[in-house]
Each structure stands twice: as C-alpha cells, then as structure tokens.
C-alpha cells in the first residue's frame, strides 16, 4: 500500500477565557464545528486537534491511516510549539489532552503540526464562530 498524505486545519476558541467555547476543523474536504461547553481558548485548541485526528482516522479507515502522513495546520503558535516538544506544558488542564494527541498520533504514519497565520486558517475559524453563533453569543 502506498503512502498518502492528508491535510487538516483546526481552530478552537472561546468567548471569554474561560467562556463558551467551540472547535472548528477542516478534515480533508469536510468541515466541522461544534460547541464544547465552557472552557479556555487553549483547551478548545487542543480539543480541536483531538477531534480532527479521530475524524481523519474514521474517514481514512484504520489500515489506510497507518500509511498516511498528516499535516495539521493551526493558527495557535503555543499549541504547535507544545505539540512539537519545543515548549513545556505547564497548564495541568492541557497535559491529559497532550497525552490523548500523542496516542492518536500513533494511528498515522506521521503527524506534522504546522503554525499558519490566521488568514490561512479562515475555514476552521469560520466553523468555530458558526458553532458559537448558534449558541446566540
């Protein structure tokens, strides 16, 4: 089976920090957004990555996921630096989410976390705001 690649864009946000929060993701060609309750912006960013990696595995199927290199793009520089091991994770609330992501990475051939500017992450951001808007916020 030949190696394939898969592109994901994620975003998470909250209105207030903490406050009502949502995640947004573009996984392959599909767009997702959902509210996740009250939490911080950083936790929302992490939960968007978890959601996206689970969704990618579901869309690809387990066997194909194992031969797929995922490029995950986000506009959260903190998230990228933490997931790439460049920054320590001091927030105790993020540590179990980091472990979840680490475990999900094992389902793929490779997962690269890449920081992009906000203007290159518009669709994921739009899905976050759409989910928050449905809450009447």
N, C-alpha and C. Protein backbone atom coordinates (compact mmCIF):
# COMPACT_ATOMS: atom_id res chain seq x y z
N UNK A 1 0.85 -1.17 0.00
CA UNK A 1 0.00 0.00 0.00
C UNK A 1 0.90 1.24 0.00
N UNK A 2 0.63 2.17 -0.91
CA UNK A 2 1.49 3.35 -0.99
C UNK A 2 1.11 4.37 0.08
N UNK A 3 2.11 5.18 0.40
CA UNK A 3 1.94 6.23 1.40
C UNK A 3 1.06 7.33 0.82
N UNK A 4 0.18 7.90 1.66
CA UNK A 4 -0.65 9.01 1.22
C UNK A 4 -0.52 10.15 2.23
N UNK A 5 -1.02 11.32 1.84
CA UNK A 5 -0.97 12.45 2.76
C UNK A 5 -2.38 13.01 2.94
N UNK A 6 -2.57 13.70 4.04
CA UNK A 6 -3.89 14.19 4.42
C UNK A 6 -3.70 15.53 5.10
N UNK A 7 -4.50 16.51 4.74
CA UNK A 7 -4.39 17.85 5.29
C UNK A 7 -5.55 18.16 6.22
N UNK A 8 -5.22 18.73 7.38
CA UNK A 8 -6.21 19.13 8.37
C UNK A 8 -5.92 20.57 8.79
N UNK A 9 -6.97 21.37 8.94
CA UNK A 9 -6.88 22.69 9.56
C UNK A 9 -7.75 22.66 10.80
N UNK A 10 -7.22 23.16 11.93
CA UNK A 10 -8.03 23.20 13.16
C UNK A 10 -7.99 24.58 13.78
N UNK A 11 -9.02 24.84 14.58
CA UNK A 11 -9.07 26.06 15.38
C UNK A 11 -9.97 25.80 16.57
N UNK A 12 -9.70 26.48 17.63
CA UNK A 12 -10.53 26.43 18.81
C UNK A 12 -10.63 27.83 19.36
N UNK A 13 -11.74 28.12 19.99
CA UNK A 13 -11.88 29.45 20.54
C UNK A 13 -12.93 29.50 21.62
N UNK A 14 -12.83 30.56 22.41
CA UNK A 14 -13.83 30.78 23.45
C UNK A 14 -14.17 32.26 23.47
N UNK A 15 -15.39 32.55 23.84
CA UNK A 15 -15.82 33.93 24.01
C UNK A 15 -15.81 34.19 25.51
N UNK A 16 -14.73 34.82 25.93
CA UNK A 16 -14.37 34.89 27.34
C UNK A 16 -13.32 33.82 27.54
N UNK A 17 -12.48 33.95 28.53
CA UNK A 17 -11.41 32.96 28.69
C UNK A 17 -11.21 32.67 30.17
N UNK A 18 -11.94 31.72 30.78
CA UNK A 18 -12.82 30.76 30.10
C UNK A 18 -14.18 31.37 29.76
N UNK A 19 -14.86 30.67 28.86
CA UNK A 19 -16.19 31.06 28.45
C UNK A 19 -16.75 30.03 27.50
N UNK A 20 -17.90 30.30 26.90
CA UNK A 20 -18.46 29.39 25.91
C UNK A 20 -17.43 29.14 24.81
N UNK A 21 -17.20 27.88 24.49
CA UNK A 21 -16.12 27.53 23.57
C UNK A 21 -16.62 26.61 22.47
N UNK A 22 -15.82 26.58 21.38
CA UNK A 22 -16.15 25.72 20.25
C UNK A 22 -14.87 25.32 19.53
N UNK A 23 -15.01 24.27 18.74
CA UNK A 23 -13.91 23.82 17.89
C UNK A 23 -14.35 23.91 16.44
N UNK A 24 -13.36 24.06 15.57
CA UNK A 24 -13.61 24.05 14.14
C UNK A 24 -12.52 23.25 13.46
N UNK A 25 -12.90 22.56 12.39
CA UNK A 25 -11.91 21.74 11.70
C UNK A 25 -12.30 21.56 10.24
N UNK A 26 -11.28 21.53 9.41
CA UNK A 26 -11.43 21.12 8.03
C UNK A 26 -10.55 19.88 7.91
N UNK A 27 -11.21 18.73 7.77
CA UNK A 27 -10.53 17.44 7.73
C UNK A 27 -10.69 16.91 6.32
N UNK A 28 -9.60 16.97 5.55
CA UNK A 28 -9.71 16.64 4.14
C UNK A 28 -10.59 17.69 3.48
N UNK A 29 -11.70 17.26 2.93
CA UNK A 29 -12.63 18.17 2.25
C UNK A 29 -13.84 18.52 3.12
N UNK A 30 -13.93 17.93 4.29
CA UNK A 30 -15.13 18.11 5.13
C UNK A 30 -14.89 19.14 6.23
N UNK A 31 -15.93 19.93 6.51
CA UNK A 31 -15.85 20.96 7.54
C UNK A 31 -16.72 20.60 8.73
N UNK A 32 -16.19 20.85 9.94
CA UNK A 32 -16.90 20.53 11.17
C UNK A 32 -16.78 21.70 12.13
N UNK A 33 -17.82 21.88 12.93
CA UNK A 33 -17.79 22.86 14.01
C UNK A 33 -18.78 22.43 15.07
N UNK A 34 -18.37 22.53 16.31
CA UNK A 34 -19.30 22.19 17.40
C UNK A 34 -18.89 22.90 18.68
N UNK A 35 -19.90 23.23 19.47
CA UNK A 35 -19.63 23.86 20.75
C UNK A 35 -19.20 22.77 21.74
N UNK A 36 -18.36 23.15 22.69
CA UNK A 36 -17.81 22.17 23.62
C UNK A 36 -18.01 22.58 25.09
N UNK A 37 -18.93 23.51 25.33
CA UNK A 37 -19.19 23.95 26.70
C UNK A 37 -18.29 25.10 27.10
N UNK A 38 -18.19 25.35 28.38
CA UNK A 38 -17.35 26.44 28.88
C UNK A 38 -15.94 25.93 29.16
N UNK A 39 -14.96 26.59 28.56
CA UNK A 39 -13.57 26.23 28.79
C UNK A 39 -12.68 27.36 28.30
N UNK A 40 -11.37 27.13 28.35
CA UNK A 40 -10.42 28.15 27.90
C UNK A 40 -10.15 28.00 26.41
N UNK A 41 -9.59 29.05 25.85
CA UNK A 41 -9.20 29.04 24.45
C UNK A 41 -8.18 27.92 24.17
N UNK A 42 -7.18 27.77 25.04
CA UNK A 42 -6.15 26.75 24.81
C UNK A 42 -6.71 25.33 24.84
N UNK A 43 -7.62 25.08 25.79
CA UNK A 43 -8.24 23.75 25.83
C UNK A 43 -9.05 23.52 24.55
N UNK A 44 -9.74 24.54 24.07
CA UNK A 44 -10.50 24.41 22.83
C UNK A 44 -9.56 24.08 21.66
N UNK A 45 -8.40 24.71 21.62
CA UNK A 45 -7.42 24.43 20.55
C UNK A 45 -7.00 22.96 20.59
N UNK A 46 -6.70 22.45 21.78
CA UNK A 46 -6.31 21.05 21.93
C UNK A 46 -7.45 20.11 21.54
N UNK A 47 -8.66 20.43 21.98
CA UNK A 47 -9.80 19.56 21.67
C UNK A 47 -10.09 19.53 20.17
N UNK A 48 -9.80 20.63 19.48
CA UNK A 48 -9.98 20.65 18.02
C UNK A 48 -9.01 19.67 17.35
N UNK A 49 -7.79 19.60 17.85
CA UNK A 49 -6.80 18.65 17.30
C UNK A 49 -7.26 17.22 17.56
N UNK A 50 -7.70 16.93 18.77
CA UNK A 50 -8.17 15.58 19.12
C UNK A 50 -9.34 15.18 18.22
N UNK A 51 -10.31 16.07 18.09
CA UNK A 51 -11.47 15.80 17.23
C UNK A 51 -11.00 15.50 15.81
N UNK A 52 -10.09 16.31 15.30
CA UNK A 52 -9.65 16.19 13.90
C UNK A 52 -8.89 14.90 13.63
N UNK A 53 -8.03 14.51 14.55
CA UNK A 53 -7.28 13.27 14.34
C UNK A 53 -8.21 12.05 14.41
N UNK A 54 -9.17 12.09 15.32
CA UNK A 54 -10.16 10.99 15.38
C UNK A 54 -10.97 10.95 14.09
N UNK A 55 -11.39 12.11 13.61
CA UNK A 55 -12.20 12.18 12.40
C UNK A 55 -11.39 11.71 11.19
N UNK A 56 -10.13 12.08 11.11
CA UNK A 56 -9.27 11.65 10.00
C UNK A 56 -9.15 10.13 9.98
N UNK A 57 -8.94 9.52 11.15
CA UNK A 57 -8.82 8.06 11.21
C UNK A 57 -10.13 7.41 10.77
N UNK A 58 -11.25 8.00 11.20
CA UNK A 58 -12.56 7.47 10.83
C UNK A 58 -12.77 7.57 9.31
N UNK A 59 -12.42 8.71 8.73
CA UNK A 59 -12.62 8.91 7.29
C UNK A 59 -11.70 8.03 6.45
N UNK A 60 -10.46 7.86 6.92
CA UNK A 60 -9.48 7.07 6.16
C UNK A 60 -9.65 5.57 6.37
N UNK A 61 -10.06 5.19 7.58
CA UNK A 61 -10.06 3.78 7.96
C UNK A 61 -8.72 3.46 8.60
N UNK A 62 -8.73 2.55 9.54
CA UNK A 62 -7.53 2.24 10.32
C UNK A 62 -6.32 1.84 9.52
N UNK A 63 -6.48 0.93 8.56
CA UNK A 63 -5.34 0.45 7.78
C UNK A 63 -4.73 1.56 6.94
N UNK A 64 -5.57 2.34 6.29
CA UNK A 64 -5.06 3.43 5.45
C UNK A 64 -4.43 4.52 6.30
N UNK A 65 -5.01 4.79 7.48
CA UNK A 65 -4.45 5.82 8.36
C UNK A 65 -3.00 5.49 8.71
N UNK A 66 -2.70 4.23 8.92
CA UNK A 66 -1.35 3.82 9.28
C UNK A 66 -0.32 4.10 8.22
N UNK A 67 -0.75 4.31 6.98
CA UNK A 67 0.16 4.63 5.88
C UNK A 67 0.03 6.08 5.44
N UNK A 68 -0.62 6.90 6.25
CA UNK A 68 -0.89 8.28 5.87
C UNK A 68 -0.08 9.26 6.71
N UNK A 69 0.51 10.24 6.02
CA UNK A 69 1.19 11.34 6.69
C UNK A 69 0.21 12.50 6.78
N UNK A 70 -0.05 12.94 8.00
CA UNK A 70 -1.00 14.02 8.26
C UNK A 70 -0.23 15.32 8.47
N UNK A 71 -0.70 16.36 7.82
CA UNK A 71 -0.20 17.70 8.08
C UNK A 71 -1.34 18.47 8.73
N UNK A 72 -1.16 18.82 10.00
CA UNK A 72 -2.18 19.53 10.74
C UNK A 72 -1.74 20.98 10.91
N UNK A 73 -2.54 21.88 10.36
CA UNK A 73 -2.22 23.31 10.40
C UNK A 73 -3.17 24.03 11.35
N UNK A 74 -2.61 24.93 12.14
CA UNK A 74 -3.39 25.71 13.09
C UNK A 74 -2.76 27.08 13.26
N UNK A 75 -3.56 28.04 13.70
CA UNK A 75 -3.00 29.38 13.91
C UNK A 75 -2.56 29.60 15.36
N UNK A 76 -2.57 28.54 16.17
CA UNK A 76 -2.11 28.65 17.56
C UNK A 76 -0.63 28.27 17.64
N UNK A 77 0.21 29.29 17.76
CA UNK A 77 1.64 29.03 17.85
C UNK A 77 1.99 28.28 19.13
N UNK A 78 1.30 28.61 20.23
CA UNK A 78 1.54 27.91 21.50
C UNK A 78 1.27 26.41 21.33
N UNK A 79 0.14 26.07 20.74
CA UNK A 79 -0.22 24.67 20.52
C UNK A 79 0.85 23.95 19.70
N UNK A 80 1.25 24.55 18.60
CA UNK A 80 2.26 23.92 17.72
C UNK A 80 3.57 23.73 18.48
N UNK A 81 4.01 24.76 19.21
CA UNK A 81 5.26 24.64 19.95
C UNK A 81 5.18 23.58 21.04
N UNK A 82 4.03 23.45 21.70
CA UNK A 82 3.88 22.41 22.72
C UNK A 82 3.82 21.03 22.09
N UNK A 83 3.05 20.87 21.01
CA UNK A 83 2.92 19.56 20.40
C UNK A 83 4.21 19.10 19.71
N UNK A 84 5.04 20.05 19.31
CA UNK A 84 6.33 19.70 18.70
C UNK A 84 7.44 19.57 19.74
N UNK A 85 7.08 19.68 21.03
CA UNK A 85 8.05 19.49 22.09
C UNK A 85 9.00 20.66 22.33
N UNK A 86 8.69 21.82 21.75
CA UNK A 86 9.56 22.99 21.91
C UNK A 86 9.24 23.77 23.18
N UNK A 87 7.99 23.72 23.65
CA UNK A 87 7.58 24.39 24.89
C UNK A 87 7.07 23.33 25.85
N UNK A 88 7.34 23.53 27.13
CA UNK A 88 6.76 22.67 28.16
C UNK A 88 5.28 23.01 28.32
N UNK A 89 4.53 22.03 28.79
CA UNK A 89 3.10 22.22 29.04
C UNK A 89 2.94 22.39 30.54
N UNK A 90 2.79 23.64 30.97
CA UNK A 90 2.70 23.95 32.39
C UNK A 90 1.27 23.87 32.90
N UNK A 91 0.30 24.10 32.02
CA UNK A 91 -1.12 24.07 32.39
C UNK A 91 -1.56 22.62 32.61
N UNK A 92 -1.91 22.30 33.85
CA UNK A 92 -2.30 20.92 34.21
C UNK A 92 -3.51 20.45 33.40
N UNK A 93 -4.38 21.38 32.98
CA UNK A 93 -5.55 21.01 32.20
C UNK A 93 -5.21 20.56 30.79
N UNK A 94 -4.04 20.98 30.29
CA UNK A 94 -3.63 20.60 28.93
C UNK A 94 -2.87 19.28 28.88
N UNK A 95 -2.27 18.89 29.99
CA UNK A 95 -1.42 17.70 30.00
C UNK A 95 -2.15 16.42 29.57
N UNK A 96 -3.36 16.14 30.09
CA UNK A 96 -4.04 14.91 29.62
C UNK A 96 -4.46 15.01 28.15
N UNK A 97 -4.73 16.23 27.68
CA UNK A 97 -5.10 16.40 26.27
C UNK A 97 -3.88 16.16 25.37
N UNK A 98 -2.70 16.59 25.83
CA UNK A 98 -1.47 16.31 25.11
C UNK A 98 -1.26 14.80 24.98
N UNK A 99 -1.50 14.07 26.06
CA UNK A 99 -1.35 12.61 26.03
C UNK A 99 -2.34 11.99 25.04
N UNK A 100 -3.57 12.49 25.02
CA UNK A 100 -4.56 12.00 24.04
C UNK A 100 -4.04 12.20 22.62
N UNK A 101 -3.50 13.37 22.34
CA UNK A 101 -2.98 13.66 21.00
C UNK A 101 -1.80 12.76 20.69
N UNK A 102 -0.90 12.60 21.65
CA UNK A 102 0.26 11.73 21.46
C UNK A 102 -0.19 10.32 21.09
N UNK A 103 -1.19 9.80 21.78
CA UNK A 103 -1.70 8.46 21.49
C UNK A 103 -2.38 8.40 20.12
N UNK A 104 -3.13 9.43 19.76
CA UNK A 104 -3.79 9.45 18.46
C UNK A 104 -2.78 9.52 17.31
N UNK A 105 -1.66 10.19 17.54
CA UNK A 105 -0.61 10.29 16.51
C UNK A 105 -0.12 8.90 16.09
N UNK A 106 -0.16 7.95 17.02
CA UNK A 106 0.36 6.61 16.74
C UNK A 106 -0.46 5.87 15.67
N UNK A 107 -1.68 6.35 15.39
CA UNK A 107 -2.53 5.71 14.38
C UNK A 107 -2.13 6.07 12.95
N UNK A 108 -1.20 7.02 12.81
CA UNK A 108 -0.80 7.50 11.48
C UNK A 108 0.69 7.27 11.26
N UNK A 109 1.08 7.24 10.00
CA UNK A 109 2.50 7.09 9.67
C UNK A 109 3.30 8.24 10.27
N UNK A 110 2.77 9.46 10.12
CA UNK A 110 3.44 10.65 10.64
C UNK A 110 2.40 11.76 10.80
N UNK A 111 2.57 12.58 11.82
CA UNK A 111 1.72 13.75 12.00
C UNK A 111 2.64 14.95 12.22
N UNK A 112 2.50 15.95 11.34
CA UNK A 112 3.27 17.19 11.47
C UNK A 112 2.33 18.29 11.90
N UNK A 113 2.74 19.06 12.92
CA UNK A 113 1.96 20.20 13.40
C UNK A 113 2.63 21.46 12.88
N UNK A 114 1.89 22.26 12.14
CA UNK A 114 2.45 23.44 11.48
C UNK A 114 1.64 24.68 11.84
N UNK A 115 2.37 25.72 12.22
CA UNK A 115 1.73 27.01 12.51
C UNK A 115 1.49 27.76 11.20
N UNK A 116 0.27 28.27 11.04
CA UNK A 116 -0.06 29.13 9.90
C UNK A 116 -0.67 30.41 10.43
N UNK A 117 -0.62 31.45 9.62
CA UNK A 117 -1.23 32.71 10.03
C UNK A 117 -2.75 32.56 9.98
N UNK A 118 -3.42 33.42 10.72
CA UNK A 118 -4.87 33.34 10.85
C UNK A 118 -5.57 33.39 9.48
N UNK A 119 -5.03 34.19 8.56
CA UNK A 119 -5.66 34.31 7.24
C UNK A 119 -5.55 33.01 6.42
N UNK A 120 -4.67 32.11 6.81
CA UNK A 120 -4.55 30.81 6.13
C UNK A 120 -5.33 29.72 6.86
N UNK A 121 -6.11 30.13 7.86
CA UNK A 121 -6.90 29.18 8.65
C UNK A 121 -8.36 29.62 8.73
N UNK A 122 -8.80 30.37 7.73
CA UNK A 122 -10.12 31.01 7.76
C UNK A 122 -11.28 30.04 7.88
N UNK A 123 -11.22 28.91 7.18
CA UNK A 123 -12.36 27.99 7.19
C UNK A 123 -12.55 27.34 8.56
N UNK A 124 -11.46 26.95 9.21
CA UNK A 124 -11.58 26.38 10.55
C UNK A 124 -12.09 27.44 11.53
N UNK A 125 -11.58 28.66 11.40
CA UNK A 125 -12.03 29.77 12.26
C UNK A 125 -13.52 30.05 12.03
N UNK A 126 -13.94 30.00 10.79
CA UNK A 126 -15.35 30.23 10.46
C UNK A 126 -16.24 29.19 11.13
N UNK A 127 -15.79 27.94 11.17
CA UNK A 127 -16.57 26.88 11.79
C UNK A 127 -16.67 27.07 13.31
N UNK A 128 -15.61 27.58 13.94
CA UNK A 128 -15.66 27.89 15.38
C UNK A 128 -16.72 28.96 15.63
N UNK A 129 -16.65 30.02 14.85
CA UNK A 129 -17.59 31.13 15.06
C UNK A 129 -19.01 30.75 14.73
N UNK A 130 -19.19 29.92 13.73
CA UNK A 130 -20.54 29.44 13.38
C UNK A 130 -21.14 28.65 14.55
N UNK A 131 -20.31 27.78 15.16
CA UNK A 131 -20.79 26.98 16.31
C UNK A 131 -21.12 27.89 17.48
N UNK A 132 -20.30 28.90 17.73
CA UNK A 132 -20.56 29.82 18.84
C UNK A 132 -21.79 30.68 18.55
N UNK A 133 -21.97 31.07 17.30
CA UNK A 133 -23.11 31.88 16.92
C UNK A 133 -24.43 31.13 17.14
N UNK A 134 -24.41 29.81 16.96
CA UNK A 134 -25.64 29.03 17.15
C UNK A 134 -26.07 29.03 18.62
N UNK A 135 -25.13 29.36 19.51
CA UNK A 135 -25.46 29.45 20.93
C UNK A 135 -26.09 30.81 21.26
N UNK A 136 -26.13 31.68 20.25
CA UNK A 136 -26.70 33.01 20.47
C UNK A 136 -25.71 33.97 21.11
N UNK A 137 -24.42 33.71 20.90
CA UNK A 137 -23.38 34.55 21.51
C UNK A 137 -22.79 35.51 20.50
